[in-house]
């Protein structure tokens, strides 16, 4: 992480920039070391136990439900934007789930309804999700939530082929 390496070659031999680089390089190296030692466990998505309770206290949430539900509510509270578009709702759900393939969203504007289905991995956060979504979407829209499941279905089709001949009689 050298300051001079980020400068254009024309400026690298200038004494003032070289001195600035000599002063900044040790500080930046130290800062990079500090950042690499930052514990991932204190981040909201990874918080467990006492750290999760501390996050909830900071944002004004009451600790209730399973750990997954509590983390979902925490992430939802921290993102805090109201999803007034379908894309923004998808981004917010992806942020809360940590992936983009764990749910599906369908908005029927004509029927004023929003349907959100989560996969089996998100079933434990469904009640928290429903409560958060009810606060997020406009009050005049109906909300339907559920868990989608993959099912194996055997389907058989039969067909009958009939061959006939058409005769025309003329007199």
C-alpha atoms as a PDB file:
ATOM      1  CA  UNK A   1       0.000   0.000   0.000  1.00  0.00           C
ATOM      2  CA  UNK A   2       2.330   2.707  -1.245  1.00  0.00           C
ATOM      3  CA  UNK A   3       1.089   6.231  -1.786  1.00  0.00           C
ATOM      4  CA  UNK A   4       3.463   6.860  -4.661  1.00  0.00           C
ATOM      5  CA  UNK A   5       2.202   3.801  -6.546  1.00  0.00           C
ATOM      6  CA  UNK A   6      -1.223   5.447  -6.862  1.00  0.00           C
ATOM      7  CA  UNK A   7       0.187   8.658  -8.342  1.00  0.00           C
ATOM      8  CA  UNK A   8       0.862   9.217 -12.041  1.00  0.00           C
ATOM      9  CA  UNK A   9       4.495   8.567 -13.005  1.00  0.00           C
ATOM     10  CA  UNK A  10       4.965  12.254 -13.742  1.00  0.00           C
ATOM     11  CA  UNK A  11       4.370  13.156 -10.061  1.00  0.00           C
ATOM     12  CA  UNK A  12       6.292  10.316  -8.419  1.00  0.00           C
ATOM     13  CA  UNK A  13       9.753  11.943  -8.569  1.00  0.00           C
ATOM     14  CA  UNK A  14       8.503  15.253  -7.053  1.00  0.00           C
ATOM     15  CA  UNK A  15      10.096  15.699  -3.620  1.00  0.00           C
ATOM     16  CA  UNK A  16       6.936  16.948  -1.916  1.00  0.00           C
ATOM     17  CA  UNK A  17       4.909  13.944  -3.053  1.00  0.00           C
ATOM     18  CA  UNK A  18       7.718  11.586  -2.014  1.00  0.00           C
ATOM     19  CA  UNK A  19       7.775  13.155   1.472  1.00  0.00           C
ATOM     20  CA  UNK A  20       4.002  12.918   1.702  1.00  0.00           C
ATOM     21  CA  UNK A  21       4.209   9.247   0.717  1.00  0.00           C
ATOM     22  CA  UNK A  22       6.858   8.560   3.375  1.00  0.00           C
ATOM     23  CA  UNK A  23       4.598  10.131   6.001  1.00  0.00           C
ATOM     24  CA  UNK A  24       1.363   8.434   4.864  1.00  0.00           C
ATOM     25  CA  UNK A  25       2.591   4.904   4.142  1.00  0.00           C
ATOM     26  CA  UNK A  26       3.206   3.845   7.783  1.00  0.00           C
ATOM     27  CA  UNK A  27      -0.157   5.291   8.855  1.00  0.00           C
ATOM     28  CA  UNK A  28      -2.040   3.539   6.054  1.00  0.00           C
ATOM     29  CA  UNK A  29      -0.270   0.236   6.756  1.00  0.00           C
ATOM     30  CA  UNK A  30      -1.233   0.513  10.433  1.00  0.00           C
ATOM     31  CA  UNK A  31      -4.838   1.362   9.517  1.00  0.00           C
ATOM     32  CA  UNK A  32      -5.055  -1.616   7.140  1.00  0.00           C
ATOM     33  CA  UNK A  33      -3.832  -3.871   9.951  1.00  0.00           C
ATOM     34  CA  UNK A  34      -6.455  -2.492  12.339  1.00  0.00           C
ATOM     35  CA  UNK A  35      -9.238  -2.989   9.791  1.00  0.00           C
ATOM     36  CA  UNK A  36      -8.180  -6.582   9.096  1.00  0.00           C
ATOM     37  CA  UNK A  37      -8.414  -7.353  12.824  1.00  0.00           C
ATOM     38  CA  UNK A  38     -11.938  -5.920  13.115  1.00  0.00           C
ATOM     39  CA  UNK A  39     -14.148  -8.744  14.333  1.00  0.00           C
ATOM     40  CA  UNK A  40     -16.852  -9.731  11.885  1.00  0.00           C
ATOM     41  CA  UNK A  41     -19.059 -10.845  14.795  1.00  0.00           C
ATOM     42  CA  UNK A  42     -19.969  -7.248  15.679  1.00  0.00           C
ATOM     43  CA  UNK A  43     -21.587  -6.610  12.301  1.00  0.00           C
ATOM     44  CA  UNK A  44     -25.404  -6.686  12.443  1.00  0.00           C
ATOM     45  CA  UNK A  45     -25.797  -9.674  10.112  1.00  0.00           C
ATOM     46  CA  UNK A  46     -23.350 -11.772  12.133  1.00  0.00           C
ATOM     47  CA  UNK A  47     -24.300 -10.589  15.645  1.00  0.00           C
ATOM     48  CA  UNK A  48     -25.320 -13.300  18.091  1.00  0.00           C
ATOM     49  CA  UNK A  49     -26.174 -13.408  21.779  1.00  0.00           C
ATOM     50  CA  UNK A  50     -25.107 -10.340  23.753  1.00  0.00           C
ATOM     51  CA  UNK A  51     -23.948  -8.473  20.633  1.00  0.00           C
ATOM     52  CA  UNK A  52     -27.352  -8.964  19.008  1.00  0.00           C
ATOM     53  CA  UNK A  53     -29.064  -7.737  22.182  1.00  0.00           C
ATOM     54  CA  UNK A  54     -26.791  -4.678  22.177  1.00  0.00           C
ATOM     55  CA  UNK A  55     -27.646  -3.907  18.540  1.00  0.00           C
ATOM     56  CA  UNK A  56     -31.363  -4.247  19.362  1.00  0.00           C
ATOM     57  CA  UNK A  57     -30.977  -1.884  22.299  1.00  0.00           C
ATOM     58  CA  UNK A  58     -29.188   0.684  20.123  1.00  0.00           C
ATOM     59  CA  UNK A  59     -31.951   0.725  17.489  1.00  0.00           C
ATOM     60  CA  UNK A  60     -34.841   0.453  19.959  1.00  0.00           C
ATOM     61  CA  UNK A  61     -36.023  -3.104  19.269  1.00  0.00           C
ATOM     62  CA  UNK A  62     -37.393  -5.475  21.893  1.00  0.00           C
ATOM     63  CA  UNK A  63     -35.577  -8.823  21.840  1.00  0.00           C
ATOM     64  CA  UNK A  64     -38.311 -11.314  20.965  1.00  0.00           C
ATOM     65  CA  UNK A  65     -38.441 -14.380  18.748  1.00  0.00           C
ATOM     66  CA  UNK A  66     -35.740 -16.627  17.395  1.00  0.00           C
ATOM     67  CA  UNK A  67     -32.253 -15.393  16.653  1.00  0.00           C
ATOM     68  CA  UNK A  68     -32.963 -15.424  12.910  1.00  0.00           C
ATOM     69  CA  UNK A  69     -36.142 -13.363  13.409  1.00  0.00           C
ATOM     70  CA  UNK A  70     -34.285 -10.898  15.617  1.00  0.00           C
ATOM     71  CA  UNK A  71     -31.510 -10.509  13.028  1.00  0.00           C
ATOM     72  CA  UNK A  72     -34.062  -9.957  10.272  1.00  0.00           C
ATOM     73  CA  UNK A  73     -35.828  -7.238  12.282  1.00  0.00           C
ATOM     74  CA  UNK A  74     -32.476  -5.621  13.063  1.00  0.00           C
ATOM     75  CA  UNK A  75     -31.376  -5.551   9.419  1.00  0.00           C
ATOM     76  CA  UNK A  76     -34.792  -4.237   8.387  1.00  0.00           C
ATOM     77  CA  UNK A  77     -34.610  -1.479  10.969  1.00  0.00           C
ATOM     78  CA  UNK A  78     -31.074  -0.519   9.957  1.00  0.00           C
ATOM     79  CA  UNK A  79     -31.913  -0.331   6.263  1.00  0.00           C
ATOM     80  CA  UNK A  80     -34.906   1.768   7.241  1.00  0.00           C
ATOM     81  CA  UNK A  81     -36.054   2.827   3.761  1.00  0.00           C
ATOM     82  CA  UNK A  82     -39.646   2.307   2.794  1.00  0.00           C
ATOM     83  CA  UNK A  83     -39.771   0.207  -0.382  1.00  0.00           C
ATOM     84  CA  UNK A  84     -42.150   2.177  -2.577  1.00  0.00           C
ATOM     85  CA  UNK A  85     -40.936   0.346  -5.678  1.00  0.00           C
ATOM     86  CA  UNK A  86     -40.744  -3.377  -6.357  1.00  0.00           C
ATOM     87  CA  UNK A  87     -37.006  -3.181  -7.019  1.00  0.00           C
ATOM     88  CA  UNK A  88     -36.366  -1.383  -3.741  1.00  0.00           C
ATOM     89  CA  UNK A  89     -38.415  -4.026  -1.898  1.00  0.00           C
ATOM     90  CA  UNK A  90     -36.319  -6.777  -3.545  1.00  0.00           C
ATOM     91  CA  UNK A  91     -33.085  -5.008  -2.570  1.00  0.00           C
ATOM     92  CA  UNK A  92     -34.256  -4.630   1.017  1.00  0.00           C
ATOM     93  CA  UNK A  93     -35.284  -8.286   1.250  1.00  0.00           C
ATOM     94  CA  UNK A  94     -31.973  -9.350  -0.304  1.00  0.00           C
ATOM     95  CA  UNK A  95     -30.138  -7.277   2.302  1.00  0.00           C
ATOM     96  CA  UNK A  96     -32.178  -8.838   5.093  1.00  0.00           C
ATOM     97  CA  UNK A  97     -31.752 -12.414   3.824  1.00  0.00           C
ATOM     98  CA  UNK A  98     -28.162 -11.966   2.708  1.00  0.00           C
ATOM     99  CA  UNK A  99     -28.952 -13.456  -0.698  1.00  0.00           C
ATOM    100  CA  UNK A 100     -31.156 -12.709  -3.662  1.00  0.00           C
ATOM    101  CA  UNK A 101     -32.557 -16.164  -4.357  1.00  0.00           C
ATOM    102  CA  UNK A 102     -34.334 -16.856  -1.050  1.00  0.00           C
ATOM    103  CA  UNK A 103     -37.619 -15.168  -1.875  1.00  0.00           C
ATOM    104  CA  UNK A 104     -39.985 -14.092  -4.625  1.00  0.00           C
ATOM    105  CA  UNK A 105     -42.052 -10.910  -4.818  1.00  0.00           C
ATOM    106  CA  UNK A 106     -45.173 -10.378  -6.900  1.00  0.00           C
ATOM    107  CA  UNK A 107     -47.056  -7.097  -6.960  1.00  0.00           C
ATOM    108  CA  UNK A 108     -50.527  -7.008  -8.457  1.00  0.00           C
ATOM    109  CA  UNK A 109     -51.274  -3.308  -8.898  1.00  0.00           C
ATOM    110  CA  UNK A 110     -54.813  -3.937 -10.163  1.00  0.00           C
ATOM    111  CA  UNK A 111     -55.746  -5.938  -7.049  1.00  0.00           C
ATOM    112  CA  UNK A 112     -53.646  -3.768  -4.689  1.00  0.00           C
ATOM    113  CA  UNK A 113     -51.779  -6.785  -3.346  1.00  0.00           C
ATOM    114  CA  UNK A 114     -48.220  -7.819  -2.587  1.00  0.00           C
ATOM    115  CA  UNK A 115     -47.237 -11.488  -2.358  1.00  0.00           C
ATOM    116  CA  UNK A 116     -43.905 -12.480  -0.834  1.00  0.00           C
ATOM    117  CA  UNK A 117     -42.837 -16.115  -0.687  1.00  0.00           C
ATOM    118  CA  UNK A 118     -39.685 -17.288   1.053  1.00  0.00           C
ATOM    119  CA  UNK A 119     -37.920 -20.585   0.551  1.00  0.00           C
ATOM    120  CA  UNK A 120     -37.687 -23.209   3.272  1.00  0.00           C
ATOM    121  CA  UNK A 121     -34.494 -21.582   4.621  1.00  0.00           C
ATOM    122  CA  UNK A 122     -36.430 -18.413   5.407  1.00  0.00           C
ATOM    123  CA  UNK A 123     -39.388 -20.104   7.085  1.00  0.00           C
ATOM    124  CA  UNK A 124     -38.102 -19.287  10.569  1.00  0.00           C
ATOM    125  CA  UNK A 125     -38.176 -15.536   9.859  1.00  0.00           C
ATOM    126  CA  UNK A 126     -41.622 -15.544   8.241  1.00  0.00           C
ATOM    127  CA  UNK A 127     -43.508 -14.068  11.192  1.00  0.00           C
ATOM    128  CA  UNK A 128     -40.925 -11.305  11.624  1.00  0.00           C
ATOM    129  CA  UNK A 129     -40.925 -10.742   7.870  1.00  0.00           C
ATOM    130  CA  UNK A 130     -44.703 -10.418   7.775  1.00  0.00           C
ATOM    131  CA  UNK A 131     -44.716  -7.867  10.609  1.00  0.00           C
ATOM    132  CA  UNK A 132     -41.938  -5.817   8.982  1.00  0.00           C
ATOM    133  CA  UNK A 133     -43.558  -5.926   5.547  1.00  0.00           C
ATOM    134  CA  UNK A 134     -46.897  -4.865   6.975  1.00  0.00           C
ATOM    135  CA  UNK A 135     -45.180  -1.716   8.255  1.00  0.00           C
ATOM    136  CA  UNK A 136     -43.324  -1.161   4.981  1.00  0.00           C
ATOM    137  CA  UNK A 137     -45.962  -1.488   2.295  1.00  0.00           C
ATOM    138  CA  UNK A 138     -48.761   1.064   1.857  1.00  0.00           C
ATOM    139  CA  UNK A 139     -51.811   0.507   4.072  1.00  0.00           C
ATOM    140  CA  UNK A 140     -54.209   0.183   1.122  1.00  0.00           C
ATOM    141  CA  UNK A 141     -52.413  -2.923  -0.203  1.00  0.00           C
ATOM    142  CA  UNK A 142     -53.123  -6.485   0.892  1.00  0.00           C
ATOM    143  CA  UNK A 143     -50.123  -8.534   1.982  1.00  0.00           C
ATOM    144  CA  UNK A 144     -49.782 -12.276   1.446  1.00  0.00           C
ATOM    145  CA  UNK A 145     -46.740 -14.138   2.766  1.00  0.00           C
ATOM    146  CA  UNK A 146     -45.894 -17.804   2.643  1.00  0.00           C
ATOM    147  CA  UNK A 147     -43.233 -20.454   2.395  1.00  0.00           C
ATOM    148  CA  UNK A 148     -42.639 -21.995  -1.009  1.00  0.00           C
ATOM    149  CA  UNK A 149     -41.631 -25.622  -1.236  1.00  0.00           C
ATOM    150  CA  UNK A 150     -40.279 -27.687  -4.060  1.00  0.00           C
ATOM    151  CA  UNK A 151     -42.361 -30.753  -4.781  1.00  0.00           C
ATOM    152  CA  UNK A 152     -41.581 -33.668  -7.043  1.00  0.00           C
ATOM    153  CA  UNK A 153     -44.539 -34.493  -9.237  1.00  0.00           C
ATOM    154  CA  UNK A 154     -44.813 -37.368 -11.617  1.00  0.00           C
ATOM    155  CA  UNK A 155     -47.002 -36.528 -14.542  1.00  0.00           C
ATOM    156  CA  UNK A 156     -48.002 -39.022 -17.178  1.00  0.00           C
ATOM    157  CA  UNK A 157     -49.805 -38.200 -20.391  1.00  0.00           C
ATOM    158  CA  UNK A 158     -51.380 -40.573 -22.818  1.00  0.00           C
ATOM    159  CA  UNK A 159     -52.428 -40.113 -26.403  1.00  0.00           C
ATOM    160  CA  UNK A 160     -54.422 -42.070 -28.901  1.00  0.00           C
ATOM    161  CA  UNK A 161     -53.694 -41.885 -32.552  1.00  0.00           C
ATOM    162  CA  UNK A 162     -56.588 -42.567 -34.859  1.00  0.00           C
ATOM    163  CA  UNK A 163     -56.094 -43.083 -38.533  1.00  0.00           C
ATOM    164  CA  UNK A 164     -59.074 -42.929 -40.812  1.00  0.00           C
ATOM    165  CA  UNK A 165     -59.763 -42.737 -44.448  1.00  0.00           C
ATOM    166  CA  UNK A 166     -62.362 -40.480 -45.966  1.00  0.00           C
ATOM    167  CA  UNK A 167     -64.291 -41.740 -48.948  1.00  0.00           C
ATOM    168  CA  UNK A 168     -66.518 -39.617 -51.091  1.00  0.00           C
ATOM    169  CA  UNK A 169     -69.218 -41.303 -53.146  1.00  0.00           C
ATOM    170  CA  UNK A 170     -70.625 -39.485 -56.141  1.00  0.00           C
ATOM    171  CA  UNK A 171     -73.462 -40.544 -58.352  1.00  0.00           C
END
